[in-house]
Amino acid sequence: MFEDTIDFHVMGNGFTWKSENLEEDRKKAVDAWDFAREMMASGKYSMIVLDEFTYLLNYNILDLESVIDTLMNKPSDLHIAITGRGAPKALIDAADLVTEMRVIKHPYQSGIYGQKGVEF
């Protein structure tokens, strides 16, 4: 439906705290950030979503100062949306908009696990 308007890239290994190879996960995360920076500079996009990105900062996989510097120097017409819990204060301070979501009711509470197309 959105093939002509959305590029979707799944990168990294996900749940790194359960990893059997943290160095490989770290390298994939750094490579994904390098790719994201290339996309930011490409001029092709009006919005880029960095899903669950805060974890890379919280686990010190990426350098927070370097990330903020990149975000502060992005093209002015490019919007960046970052998701994930526990955003570092410096990231919150640099952001134009910060929203905190909290669960009122979630299918997981009834034993329904992540569903393709909804949670992933």
PDB file of N, CA and C in Angstrom:
ATOM      1  N   MET A   1       0.805  -1.191   0.000  1.00  0.00           N
ATOM      2  CA  MET A   1       0.000   0.000   0.000  1.00  0.00           C
ATOM      3  C   MET A   1       0.856   1.267   0.000  1.00  0.00           C
ATOM      4  N   PHE A   2       1.971   1.258   0.759  1.00  0.00           N
ATOM      5  CA  PHE A   2       2.822   2.439   0.848  1.00  0.00           C
ATOM      6  C   PHE A   2       4.182   2.223   0.173  1.00  0.00           C
ATOM      7  N   GLU A   3       4.282   1.240  -0.706  1.00  0.00           N
ATOM      8  CA  GLU A   3       5.563   0.881  -1.295  1.00  0.00           C
ATOM      9  C   GLU A   3       6.303   2.058  -1.913  1.00  0.00           C
ATOM     10  N   ASP A   4       5.572   3.001  -2.483  1.00  0.00           N
ATOM     11  CA  ASP A   4       6.200   4.137  -3.144  1.00  0.00           C
ATOM     12  C   ASP A   4       6.524   5.291  -2.206  1.00  0.00           C
ATOM     13  N   THR A   5       6.094   5.208  -0.952  1.00  0.00           N
ATOM     14  CA  THR A   5       6.294   6.340  -0.048  1.00  0.00           C
ATOM     15  C   THR A   5       7.068   6.004   1.221  1.00  0.00           C
ATOM     16  N   ILE A   6       7.271   4.723   1.516  1.00  0.00           N
ATOM     17  CA  ILE A   6       7.941   4.334   2.759  1.00  0.00           C
ATOM     18  C   ILE A   6       9.036   3.314   2.472  1.00  0.00           C
ATOM     19  N   ASP A   7      10.210   3.570   3.018  1.00  0.00           N
ATOM     20  CA  ASP A   7      11.277   2.574   3.038  1.00  0.00           C
ATOM     21  C   ASP A   7      11.315   2.016   4.446  1.00  0.00           C
ATOM     22  N   PHE A   8      11.450   0.721   4.574  1.00  0.00           N
ATOM     23  CA  PHE A   8      11.426   0.074   5.878  1.00  0.00           C
ATOM     24  C   PHE A   8      12.670  -0.795   5.987  1.00  0.00           C
ATOM     25  N   HIS A   9      13.506  -0.527   6.977  1.00  0.00           N
ATOM     26  CA  HIS A   9      14.750  -1.272   7.166  1.00  0.00           C
ATOM     27  C   HIS A   9      14.790  -1.828   8.583  1.00  0.00           C
ATOM     28  N   VAL A  10      14.929  -3.127   8.701  1.00  0.00           N
ATOM     29  CA  VAL A  10      15.115  -3.762  10.009  1.00  0.00           C
ATOM     30  C   VAL A  10      16.604  -4.031  10.144  1.00  0.00           C
ATOM     31  N   MET A  11      17.190  -3.472  11.190  1.00  0.00           N
ATOM     32  CA  MET A  11      18.635  -3.589  11.351  1.00  0.00           C
ATOM     33  C   MET A  11      18.959  -3.955  12.789  1.00  0.00           C
ATOM     34  N   GLY A  12      20.119  -4.523  12.998  1.00  0.00           N
ATOM     35  CA  GLY A  12      20.517  -4.934  14.339  1.00  0.00           C
ATOM     36  C   GLY A  12      19.907  -6.273  14.694  1.00  0.00           C
ATOM     37  N   ASN A  13      20.155  -6.691  15.921  1.00  0.00           N
ATOM     38  CA  ASN A  13      19.686  -7.997  16.388  1.00  0.00           C
ATOM     39  C   ASN A  13      18.560  -7.914  17.398  1.00  0.00           C
ATOM     40  N   GLY A  14      18.155  -6.719  17.779  1.00  0.00           N
ATOM     41  CA  GLY A  14      17.089  -6.627  18.774  1.00  0.00           C
ATOM     42  C   GLY A  14      17.605  -6.903  20.166  1.00  0.00           C
ATOM     43  N   PHE A  15      16.846  -7.492  20.977  1.00  0.00           N
ATOM     44  CA  PHE A  15      17.036  -7.712  22.409  1.00  0.00           C
ATOM     45  C   PHE A  15      18.471  -8.062  22.803  1.00  0.00           C
ATOM     46  N   THR A  16      19.359  -7.079  22.772  1.00  0.00           N
ATOM     47  CA  THR A  16      20.779  -7.333  22.979  1.00  0.00           C
ATOM     48  C   THR A  16      21.125  -7.801  24.389  1.00  0.00           C
ATOM     49  N   TRP A  17      20.298  -7.484  25.372  1.00  0.00           N
ATOM     50  CA  TRP A  17      20.631  -7.928  26.724  1.00  0.00           C
ATOM     51  C   TRP A  17      20.483  -9.444  26.857  1.00  0.00           C
ATOM     52  N   LYS A  18      19.887 -10.105  25.861  1.00  0.00           N
ATOM     53  CA  LYS A  18      19.777 -11.557  25.855  1.00  0.00           C
ATOM     54  C   LYS A  18      20.752 -12.174  24.857  1.00  0.00           C
ATOM     55  N   SER A  19      21.663 -11.393  24.343  1.00  0.00           N
ATOM     56  CA  SER A  19      22.546 -11.806  23.261  1.00  0.00           C
ATOM     57  C   SER A  19      23.588 -12.819  23.708  1.00  0.00           C
ATOM     58  N   GLU A  20      23.978 -13.639  22.755  1.00  0.00           N
ATOM     59  CA  GLU A  20      25.099 -14.552  22.973  1.00  0.00           C
ATOM     60  C   GLU A  20      26.386 -13.964  22.402  1.00  0.00           C
ATOM     61  N   ASN A  21      26.274 -12.851  21.648  1.00  0.00           N
ATOM     62  CA  ASN A  21      27.450 -12.232  21.038  1.00  0.00           C
ATOM     63  C   ASN A  21      27.270 -10.718  21.040  1.00  0.00           C
ATOM     64  N   LEU A  22      27.608 -10.100  22.160  1.00  0.00           N
ATOM     65  CA  LEU A  22      27.405  -8.662  22.311  1.00  0.00           C
ATOM     66  C   LEU A  22      28.247  -7.843  21.339  1.00  0.00           C
ATOM     67  N   GLU A  23      29.440  -8.306  21.004  1.00  0.00           N
ATOM     68  CA  GLU A  23      30.285  -7.556  20.063  1.00  0.00           C
ATOM     69  C   GLU A  23      29.657  -7.521  18.678  1.00  0.00           C
ATOM     70  N   GLU A  24      29.086  -8.627  18.246  1.00  0.00           N
ATOM     71  CA  GLU A  24      28.395  -8.654  16.946  1.00  0.00           C
ATOM     72  C   GLU A  24      27.180  -7.727  16.980  1.00  0.00           C
ATOM     73  N   ASP A  25      26.436  -7.750  18.074  1.00  0.00           N
ATOM     74  CA  ASP A  25      25.272  -6.876  18.216  1.00  0.00           C
ATOM     75  C   ASP A  25      25.688  -5.412  18.190  1.00  0.00           C
ATOM     76  N   ARG A  26      26.771  -5.096  18.886  1.00  0.00           N
ATOM     77  CA  ARG A  26      27.274  -3.723  18.922  1.00  0.00           C
ATOM     78  C   ARG A  26      27.670  -3.267  17.519  1.00  0.00           C
ATOM     79  N   LYS A  27      28.369  -4.123  16.783  1.00  0.00           N
ATOM     80  CA  LYS A  27      28.785  -3.767  15.422  1.00  0.00           C
ATOM     81  C   LYS A  27      27.563  -3.537  14.530  1.00  0.00           C
ATOM     82  N   LYS A  28      26.560  -4.389  14.634  1.00  0.00           N
ATOM     83  CA  LYS A  28      25.349  -4.211  13.823  1.00  0.00           C
ATOM     84  C   LYS A  28      24.629  -2.921  14.189  1.00  0.00           C
ATOM     85  N   ALA A  29      24.614  -2.576  15.466  1.00  0.00           N
ATOM     86  CA  ALA A  29      23.955  -1.339  15.893  1.00  0.00           C
ATOM     87  C   ALA A  29      24.710  -0.116  15.362  1.00  0.00           C
ATOM     88  N   VAL A  30      26.016  -0.143  15.425  1.00  0.00           N
ATOM     89  CA  VAL A  30      26.822   0.965  14.905  1.00  0.00           C
ATOM     90  C   VAL A  30      26.630   1.075  13.394  1.00  0.00           C
ATOM     91  N   ASP A  31      26.619  -0.063  12.701  1.00  0.00           N
ATOM     92  CA  ASP A  31      26.378  -0.057  11.254  1.00  0.00           C
ATOM     93  C   ASP A  31      24.995   0.518  10.934  1.00  0.00           C
ATOM     94  N   ALA A  32      23.991   0.170  11.746  1.00  0.00           N
ATOM     95  CA  ALA A  32      22.633   0.694  11.534  1.00  0.00           C
ATOM     96  C   ALA A  32      22.604   2.211  11.744  1.00  0.00           C
ATOM     97  N   TRP A  33      23.315   2.707  12.760  1.00  0.00           N
ATOM     98  CA  TRP A  33      23.386   4.152  12.998  1.00  0.00           C
ATOM     99  C   TRP A  33      24.087   4.850  11.832  1.00  0.00           C
ATOM    100  N   ASP A  34      25.169   4.248  11.331  1.00  0.00           N
ATOM    101  CA  ASP A  34      25.859   4.813  10.165  1.00  0.00           C
ATOM    102  C   ASP A  34      24.907   4.893   8.972  1.00  0.00           C
ATOM    103  N   PHE A  35      24.114   3.842   8.770  1.00  0.00           N
ATOM    104  CA  PHE A  35      23.127   3.821   7.692  1.00  0.00           C
ATOM    105  C   PHE A  35      22.084   4.924   7.905  1.00  0.00           C
ATOM    106  N   ALA A  36      21.601   5.065   9.130  1.00  0.00           N
ATOM    107  CA  ALA A  36      20.607   6.104   9.432  1.00  0.00           C
ATOM    108  C   ALA A  36      21.174   7.488   9.152  1.00  0.00           C
ATOM    109  N   ARG A  37      22.420   7.720   9.519  1.00  0.00           N
ATOM    110  CA  ARG A  37      23.051   9.023   9.250  1.00  0.00           C
ATOM    111  C   ARG A  37      23.157   9.279   7.750  1.00  0.00           C
ATOM    112  N   GLU A  38      23.464   8.239   6.981  1.00  0.00           N
ATOM    113  CA  GLU A  38      23.496   8.394   5.522  1.00  0.00           C
ATOM    114  C   GLU A  38      22.118   8.768   4.988  1.00  0.00           C
ATOM    115  N   MET A  39      21.083   8.144   5.523  1.00  0.00           N
ATOM    116  CA  MET A  39      19.724   8.441   5.078  1.00  0.00           C
ATOM    117  C   MET A  39      19.338   9.870   5.464  1.00  0.00           C
ATOM    118  N   MET A  40      19.781  10.321   6.648  1.00  0.00           N
ATOM    119  CA  MET A  40      19.499  11.692   7.077  1.00  0.00           C
ATOM    120  C   MET A  40      20.121  12.698   6.115  1.00  0.00           C
ATOM    121  N   ALA A  41      21.319  12.397   5.652  1.00  0.00           N
ATOM    122  CA  ALA A  41      22.041  13.323   4.775  1.00  0.00           C
ATOM    123  C   ALA A  41      21.619  13.208   3.308  1.00  0.00           C
ATOM    124  N   SER A  42      20.859  12.173   2.974  1.00  0.00           N
ATOM    125  CA  SER A  42      20.539  11.900   1.563  1.00  0.00           C
ATOM    126  C   SER A  42      19.601  12.921   0.921  1.00  0.00           C
ATOM    127  N   GLY A  43      18.795  13.586   1.740  1.00  0.00           N
ATOM    128  CA  GLY A  43      17.808  14.512   1.187  1.00  0.00           C
ATOM    129  C   GLY A  43      16.582  13.817   0.624  1.00  0.00           C
ATOM    130  N   LYS A  44      16.520  12.511   0.758  1.00  0.00           N
ATOM    131  CA  LYS A  44      15.418  11.720   0.192  1.00  0.00           C
ATOM    132  C   LYS A  44      14.191  11.673   1.109  1.00  0.00           C
ATOM    133  N   TYR A  45      14.382  11.893   2.385  1.00  0.00           N
ATOM    134  CA  TYR A  45      13.322  11.653   3.360  1.00  0.00           C
ATOM    135  C   TYR A  45      12.853  12.930   4.038  1.00  0.00           C
ATOM    136  N   SER A  46      11.572  12.942   4.413  1.00  0.00           N
ATOM    137  CA  SER A  46      11.044  14.031   5.228  1.00  0.00           C
ATOM    138  C   SER A  46      10.914  13.582   6.684  1.00  0.00           C
ATOM    139  N   MET A  47      10.893  12.253   6.923  1.00  0.00           N
ATOM    140  CA  MET A  47      10.838  11.717   8.282  1.00  0.00           C
ATOM    141  C   MET A  47      11.590  10.395   8.336  1.00  0.00           C
ATOM    142  N   ILE A  48      12.317  10.231   9.427  1.00  0.00           N
ATOM    143  CA  ILE A  48      13.013   8.972   9.705  1.00  0.00           C
ATOM    144  C   ILE A  48      12.641   8.567  11.128  1.00  0.00           C
ATOM    145  N   VAL A  49      12.229   7.323  11.304  1.00  0.00           N
ATOM    146  CA  VAL A  49      11.882   6.790  12.616  1.00  0.00           C
ATOM    147  C   VAL A  49      13.001   5.856  13.063  1.00  0.00           C
ATOM    148  N   LEU A  50      13.555   6.145  14.215  1.00  0.00           N
ATOM    149  CA  LEU A  50      14.585   5.304  14.822  1.00  0.00           C
ATOM    150  C   LEU A  50      13.914   4.556  15.974  1.00  0.00           C
ATOM    151  N   ASP A  51      13.362   3.417  15.658  1.00  0.00           N
ATOM    152  CA  ASP A  51      12.550   2.665  16.609  1.00  0.00           C
ATOM    153  C   ASP A  51      13.424   1.986  17.658  1.00  0.00           C
ATOM    154  N   GLU A  52      13.039   2.125  18.908  1.00  0.00           N
ATOM    155  CA  GLU A  52      13.745   1.545  20.063  1.00  0.00           C
ATOM    156  C   GLU A  52      15.194   2.027  20.143  1.00  0.00           C
ATOM    157  N   PHE A  53      15.441   3.214  19.670  1.00  0.00           N
ATOM    158  CA  PHE A  53      16.784   3.782  19.579  1.00  0.00           C
ATOM    159  C   PHE A  53      17.362   4.161  20.940  1.00  0.00           C
ATOM    160  N   THR A  54      16.501   4.494  21.890  1.00  0.00           N
ATOM    161  CA  THR A  54      17.008   4.937  23.199  1.00  0.00           C
ATOM    162  C   THR A  54      17.855   3.863  23.880  1.00  0.00           C
ATOM    163  N   TYR A  55      17.591   2.598  23.571  1.00  0.00           N
ATOM    164  CA  TYR A  55      18.356   1.519  24.203  1.00  0.00           C
ATOM    165  C   TYR A  55      19.823   1.565  23.790  1.00  0.00           C
ATOM    166  N   LEU A  56      20.088   1.982  22.552  1.00  0.00           N
ATOM    167  CA  LEU A  56      21.475   2.081  22.092  1.00  0.00           C
ATOM    168  C   LEU A  56      22.235   3.142  22.876  1.00  0.00           C
ATOM    169  N   LEU A  57      21.514   4.132  23.335  1.00  0.00           N
ATOM    170  CA  LEU A  57      22.131   5.187  24.147  1.00  0.00           C
ATOM    171  C   LEU A  57      22.246   4.748  25.602  1.00  0.00           C
ATOM    172  N   ASN A  58      21.196   4.122  26.111  1.00  0.00           N
ATOM    173  CA  ASN A  58      21.195   3.692  27.513  1.00  0.00           C
ATOM    174  C   ASN A  58      22.227   2.613  27.811  1.00  0.00           C
ATOM    175  N   TYR A  59      22.509   1.756  26.822  1.00  0.00           N
ATOM    176  CA  TYR A  59      23.507   0.701  26.999  1.00  0.00           C
ATOM    177  C   TYR A  59      24.888   1.131  26.502  1.00  0.00           C
ATOM    178  N   ASN A  60      25.033   2.441  26.217  1.00  0.00           N
ATOM    179  CA  ASN A  60      26.308   3.004  25.761  1.00  0.00           C
ATOM    180  C   ASN A  60      26.861   2.314  24.518  1.00  0.00           C
ATOM    181  N   ILE A  61      25.969   1.863  23.664  1.00  0.00           N
ATOM    182  CA  ILE A  61      26.394   1.280  22.395  1.00  0.00           C
ATOM    183  C   ILE A  61      26.774   2.394  21.425  1.00  0.00           C
ATOM    184  N   LEU A  62      26.054   3.499  21.492  1.00  0.00           N
ATOM    185  CA  LEU A  62      26.386   4.693  20.714  1.00  0.00           C
ATOM    186  C   LEU A  62      26.733   5.819  21.671  1.00  0.00           C
ATOM    187  N   ASP A  63      27.597   6.705  21.229  1.00  0.00           N
ATOM    188  CA  ASP A  63      27.999   7.847  22.031  1.00  0.00           C
ATOM    189  C   ASP A  63      26.894   8.902  22.008  1.00  0.00           C
ATOM    190  N   LEU A  64      26.357   9.228  23.163  1.00  0.00           N
ATOM    191  CA  LEU A  64      25.239  10.159  23.280  1.00  0.00           C
ATOM    192  C   LEU A  64      25.568  11.530  22.692  1.00  0.00           C
ATOM    193  N   GLU A  65      26.722  12.080  23.023  1.00  0.00           N
ATOM    194  CA  GLU A  65      27.085  13.410  22.505  1.00  0.00           C
ATOM    195  C   GLU A  65      27.150  13.429  20.986  1.00  0.00           C
ATOM    196  N   SER A  66      27.718  12.385  20.412  1.00  0.00           N
ATOM    197  CA  SER A  66      27.827  12.293  18.955  1.00  0.00           C
ATOM    198  C   SER A  66      26.453  12.186  18.306  1.00  0.00           C
ATOM    199  N   VAL A  67      25.571  11.395  18.907  1.00  0.00           N
ATOM    200  CA  VAL A  67      24.206  11.249  18.387  1.00  0.00           C
ATOM    201  C   VAL A  67      23.484  12.596  18.437  1.00  0.00           C
ATOM    202  N   ILE A  68      23.567  13.282  19.558  1.00  0.00           N
ATOM    203  CA  ILE A  68      22.885  14.570  19.685  1.00  0.00           C
ATOM    204  C   ILE A  68      23.463  15.578  18.696  1.00  0.00           C
ATOM    205  N   ASP A  69      24.765  15.574  18.516  1.00  0.00           N
ATOM    206  CA  ASP A  69      25.383  16.467  17.543  1.00  0.00           C
ATOM    207  C   ASP A  69      24.830  16.192  16.135  1.00  0.00           C
ATOM    208  N   THR A  70      24.717  14.925  15.787  1.00  0.00           N
ATOM    209  CA  THR A  70      24.161  14.560  14.478  1.00  0.00           C
ATOM    210  C   THR A  70      22.728  15.045  14.355  1.00  0.00           C
ATOM    211  N   LEU A  71      21.936  14.821  15.388  1.00  0.00           N
ATOM    212  CA  LEU A  71      20.520  15.219  15.341  1.00  0.00           C
ATOM    213  C   LEU A  71      20.369  16.735  15.289  1.00  0.00           C
ATOM    214  N   MET A  72      21.213  17.454  15.996  1.00  0.00           N
ATOM    215  CA  MET A  72      21.120  18.915  16.008  1.00  0.00           C
ATOM    216  C   MET A  72      21.563  19.533  14.681  1.00  0.00           C
ATOM    217  N   ASN A  73      22.339  18.784  13.896  1.00  0.00           N
ATOM    218  CA  ASN A  73      22.852  19.290  12.629  1.00  0.00           C
ATOM    219  C   ASN A  73      22.213  18.633  11.408  1.00  0.00           C
ATOM    220  N   LYS A  74      21.086  17.991  11.614  1.00  0.00           N
ATOM    221  CA  LYS A  74      20.352  17.375  10.508  1.00  0.00           C
ATOM    222  C   LYS A  74      19.728  18.464   9.637  1.00  0.00           C
ATOM    223  N   PRO A  75      19.331  18.110   8.419  1.00  0.00           N
ATOM    224  CA  PRO A  75      18.624  19.100   7.597  1.00  0.00           C
ATOM    225  C   PRO A  75      17.383  19.626   8.325  1.00  0.00           C
ATOM    226  N   SER A  76      17.118  20.899   8.209  1.00  0.00           N
ATOM    227  CA  SER A  76      16.028  21.529   8.964  1.00  0.00           C
ATOM    228  C   SER A  76      14.650  21.014   8.571  1.00  0.00           C
ATOM    229  N   ASP A  77      14.514  20.486   7.357  1.00  0.00           N
ATOM    230  CA  ASP A  77      13.203  19.989   6.922  1.00  0.00           C
ATOM    231  C   ASP A  77      13.034  18.487   7.164  1.00  0.00           C
ATOM    232  N   LEU A  78      13.966  17.877   7.875  1.00  0.00           N
ATOM    233  CA  LEU A  78      13.902  16.451   8.183  1.00  0.00           C
ATOM    234  C   LEU A  78      13.420  16.256   9.611  1.00  0.00           C
ATOM    235  N   HIS A  79      12.407  15.429   9.780  1.00  0.00           N
ATOM    236  CA  HIS A  79      11.880  15.098  11.106  1.00  0.00           C
ATOM    237  C   HIS A  79      12.421  13.738  11.522  1.00  0.00           C
ATOM    238  N   ILE A  80      12.873  13.650  12.769  1.00  0.00           N
ATOM    239  CA  ILE A  80      13.376  12.397  13.321  1.00  0.00           C
ATOM    240  C   ILE A  80      12.484  12.018  14.489  1.00  0.00           C
ATOM    241  N   ALA A  81      11.943  10.815  14.459  1.00  0.00           N
ATOM    242  CA  ALA A  81      11.154  10.284  15.575  1.00  0.00           C
ATOM    243  C   ALA A  81      11.960   9.155  16.203  1.00  0.00           C
ATOM    244  N   ILE A  82      12.176   9.243  17.500  1.00  0.00           N
ATOM    245  CA  ILE A  82      12.938   8.244  18.238  1.00  0.00           C
ATOM    246  C   ILE A  82      12.014   7.606  19.259  1.00  0.00           C
ATOM    247  N   THR A  83      12.016   6.275  19.293  1.00  0.00           N
ATOM    248  CA  THR A  83      11.185   5.579  20.271  1.00  0.00           C
ATOM    249  C   THR A  83      12.070   4.809  21.247  1.00  0.00           C
ATOM    250  N   GLY A  84      11.464   4.422  22.356  1.00  0.00           N
ATOM    251  CA  GLY A  84      12.141   3.615  23.357  1.00  0.00           C
ATOM    252  C   GLY A  84      11.970   4.219  24.732  1.00  0.00           C
ATOM    253  N   ARG A  85      12.069   3.375  25.720  1.00  0.00           N
ATOM    254  CA  ARG A  85      11.921   3.816  27.105  1.00  0.00           C
ATOM    255  C   ARG A  85      13.189   4.474  27.613  1.00  0.00           C
ATOM    256  N   GLY A  86      13.007   5.314  28.619  1.00  0.00           N
ATOM    257  CA  GLY A  86      14.140   5.858  29.352  1.00  0.00           C
ATOM    258  C   GLY A  86      15.066   6.731  28.524  1.00  0.00           C
ATOM    259  N   ALA A  87      14.511   7.601  27.726  1.00  0.00           N
ATOM    260  CA  ALA A  87      15.357   8.501  26.935  1.00  0.00           C
ATOM    261  C   ALA A  87      16.279   9.285  27.853  1.00  0.00           C
ATOM    262  N   PRO A  88      17.563   9.372  27.495  1.00  0.00           N
ATOM    263  CA  PRO A  88      18.489  10.169  28.311  1.00  0.00           C
ATOM    264  C   PRO A  88      18.043  11.630  28.361  1.00  0.00           C
ATOM    265  N   LYS A  89      18.306  12.291  29.475  1.00  0.00           N
ATOM    266  CA  LYS A  89      17.893  13.690  29.648  1.00  0.00           C
ATOM    267  C   LYS A  89      18.436  14.577  28.539  1.00  0.00           C
ATOM    268  N   ALA A  90      19.672  14.346  28.124  1.00  0.00           N
ATOM    269  CA  ALA A  90      20.259  15.171  27.059  1.00  0.00           C
ATOM    270  C   ALA A  90      19.483  15.017  25.753  1.00  0.00           C
ATOM    271  N   LEU A  91      18.975  13.834  25.474  1.00  0.00           N
ATOM    272  CA  LEU A  91      18.168  13.628  24.269  1.00  0.00           C
ATOM    273  C   LEU A  91      16.829  14.343  24.412  1.00  0.00           C
ATOM    274  N   ILE A  92      16.229  14.245  25.574  1.00  0.00           N
ATOM    275  CA  ILE A  92      14.960  14.944  25.831  1.00  0.00           C
ATOM    276  C   ILE A  92      15.158  16.454  25.695  1.00  0.00           C
ATOM    277  N   ASP A  93      16.233  16.970  26.259  1.00  0.00           N
ATOM    278  CA  ASP A  93      16.504  18.405  26.180  1.00  0.00           C
ATOM    279  C   ASP A  93      16.699  18.867  24.734  1.00  0.00           C
ATOM    280  N   ALA A  94      17.275  18.029  23.886  1.00  0.00           N
ATOM    281  CA  ALA A  94      17.538  18.391  22.491  1.00  0.00           C
ATOM    282  C   ALA A  94      16.301  18.257  21.608  1.00  0.00           C
ATOM    283  N   ALA A  95      15.311  17.510  22.056  1.00  0.00           N
ATOM    284  CA  ALA A  95      14.135  17.217  21.230  1.00  0.00           C
ATOM    285  C   ALA A  95      13.176  18.394  21.163  1.00  0.00           C
ATOM    286  N   ASP A  96      12.423  18.458  20.079  1.00  0.00           N
ATOM    287  CA  ASP A  96      11.348  19.442  19.941  1.00  0.00           C
ATOM    288  C   ASP A  96      10.069  18.962  20.619  1.00  0.00           C
ATOM    289  N   LEU A  97       9.855  17.662  20.615  1.00  0.00           N
ATOM    290  CA  LEU A  97       8.632  17.070  21.160  1.00  0.00           C
ATOM    291  C   LEU A  97       8.996  15.778  21.871  1.00  0.00           C
ATOM    292  N   VAL A  98       8.489  15.609  23.074  1.00  0.00           N
ATOM    293  CA  VAL A  98       8.701  14.382  23.833  1.00  0.00           C
ATOM    294  C   VAL A  98       7.349  13.910  24.327  1.00  0.00           C
ATOM    295  N   THR A  99       7.042  12.665  24.059  1.00  0.00           N
ATOM    296  CA  THR A  99       5.792  12.070  24.512  1.00  0.00           C
ATOM    297  C   THR A  99       6.116  10.817  25.299  1.00  0.00           C
ATOM    298  N   GLU A 100       5.443  10.650  26.426  1.00  0.00           N
ATOM    299  CA  GLU A 100       5.600   9.432  27.208  1.00  0.00           C
ATOM    300  C   GLU A 100       4.295   8.656  27.149  1.00  0.00           C
ATOM    301  N   MET A 101       4.397   7.429  26.682  1.00  0.00           N
ATOM    302  CA  MET A 101       3.207   6.575  26.622  1.00  0.00           C
ATOM    303  C   MET A 101       3.233   5.634  27.817  1.00  0.00           C
ATOM    304  N   ARG A 102       2.062   5.327  28.328  1.00  0.00           N
ATOM    305  CA  ARG A 102       1.977   4.343  29.403  1.00  0.00           C
ATOM    306  C   ARG A 102       0.812   3.417  29.122  1.00  0.00           C
ATOM    307  N   VAL A 103       0.962   2.204  29.555  1.00  0.00           N
ATOM    308  CA  VAL A 103      -0.049   1.189  29.295  1.00  0.00           C
ATOM    309  C   VAL A 103      -1.245   1.400  30.218  1.00  0.00           C
ATOM    310  N   ILE A 104      -2.410   1.423  29.634  1.00  0.00           N
ATOM    311  CA  ILE A 104      -3.662   1.352  30.381  1.00  0.00           C
ATOM    312  C   ILE A 104      -4.164  -0.094  30.311  1.00  0.00           C
ATOM    313  N   LYS A 105      -4.158  -0.621  29.100  1.00  0.00           N
ATOM    314  CA  LYS A 105      -4.538  -2.014  28.871  1.00  0.00           C
ATOM    315  C   LYS A 105      -3.758  -2.490  27.652  1.00  0.00           C
ATOM    316  N   HIS A 106      -3.221  -3.704  27.717  1.00  0.00           N
ATOM    317  CA  HIS A 106      -2.418  -4.244  26.625  1.00  0.00           C
ATOM    318  C   HIS A 106      -2.725  -5.727  26.477  1.00  0.00           C
ATOM    319  N   PRO A 107      -2.786  -6.233  25.236  1.00  0.00           N
ATOM    320  CA  PRO A 107      -3.073  -7.657  25.028  1.00  0.00           C
ATOM    321  C   PRO A 107      -2.091  -8.583  25.759  1.00  0.00           C
ATOM    322  N   TYR A 108      -0.856  -8.146  25.943  1.00  0.00           N
ATOM    323  CA  TYR A 108       0.141  -8.961  26.640  1.00  0.00           C
ATOM    324  C   TYR A 108      -0.328  -9.333  28.042  1.00  0.00           C
ATOM    325  N   GLN A 109      -1.077  -8.432  28.676  1.00  0.00           N
ATOM    326  CA  GLN A 109      -1.582  -8.692  30.026  1.00  0.00           C
ATOM    327  C   GLN A 109      -2.575  -9.850  30.045  1.00  0.00           C
ATOM    328  N   SER A 110      -3.132 -10.182  28.872  1.00  0.00           N
ATOM    329  CA  SER A 110      -4.074 -11.301  28.760  1.00  0.00           C
ATOM    330  C   SER A 110      -3.429 -12.518  28.117  1.00  0.00           C
ATOM    331  N   GLY A 111      -2.096 -12.488  27.974  1.00  0.00           N
ATOM    332  CA  GLY A 111      -1.394 -13.630  27.408  1.00  0.00           C
ATOM    333  C   GLY A 111      -1.250 -13.589  25.892  1.00  0.00           C
ATOM    334  N   ILE A 112      -1.591 -12.492  25.264  1.00  0.00           N
ATOM    335  CA  ILE A 112      -1.444 -12.361  23.815  1.00  0.00           C
ATOM    336  C   ILE A 112      -0.095 -11.695  23.551  1.00  0.00           C
ATOM    337  N   TYR A 113       0.800 -12.431  22.919  1.00  0.00           N
ATOM    338  CA  TYR A 113       2.143 -11.933  22.680  1.00  0.00           C
ATOM    339  C   TYR A 113       2.199 -11.065  21.429  1.00  0.00           C
ATOM    340  N   GLY A 114       3.370 -10.468  21.171  1.00  0.00           N
ATOM    341  CA  GLY A 114       3.551  -9.576  20.044  1.00  0.00           C
ATOM    342  C   GLY A 114       3.001 -10.151  18.743  1.00  0.00           C
ATOM    343  N   GLN A 115       2.314  -9.296  18.012  1.00  0.00           N
ATOM    344  CA  GLN A 115       1.687  -9.709  16.770  1.00  0.00           C
ATOM    345  C   GLN A 115       2.345  -9.013  15.586  1.00  0.00           C
ATOM    346  N   LYS A 116       2.636  -9.794  14.542  1.00  0.00           N
ATOM    347  CA  LYS A 116       3.235  -9.219  13.339  1.00  0.00           C
ATOM    348  C   LYS A 116       2.314  -8.147  12.794  1.00  0.00           C
ATOM    349  N   GLY A 117       2.894  -7.001  12.472  1.00  0.00           N
ATOM    350  CA  GLY A 117       2.119  -5.896  11.940  1.00  0.00           C
ATOM    351  C   GLY A 117       1.575  -4.961  13.008  1.00  0.00           C
ATOM    352  N   VAL A 118       1.688  -5.370  14.268  1.00  0.00           N
ATOM    353  CA  VAL A 118       1.236  -4.514  15.368  1.00  0.00           C
ATOM    354  C   VAL A 118       2.456  -4.131  16.214  1.00  0.00           C
ATOM    355  N   GLU A 119       3.056  -5.102  16.878  1.00  0.00           N
ATOM    356  CA  GLU A 119       4.227  -4.803  17.709  1.00  0.00           C
ATOM    357  C   GLU A 119       5.540  -4.926  16.957  1.00  0.00           C
ATOM    358  N   PHE A 120       5.536  -5.685  15.879  1.00  0.00           N
ATOM    359  CA  PHE A 120       6.764  -5.793  15.069  1.00  0.00           C
ATOM    360  C   PHE A 120       6.417  -5.999  13.631  1.00  0.00           C
TER     361      PHE A 120
END
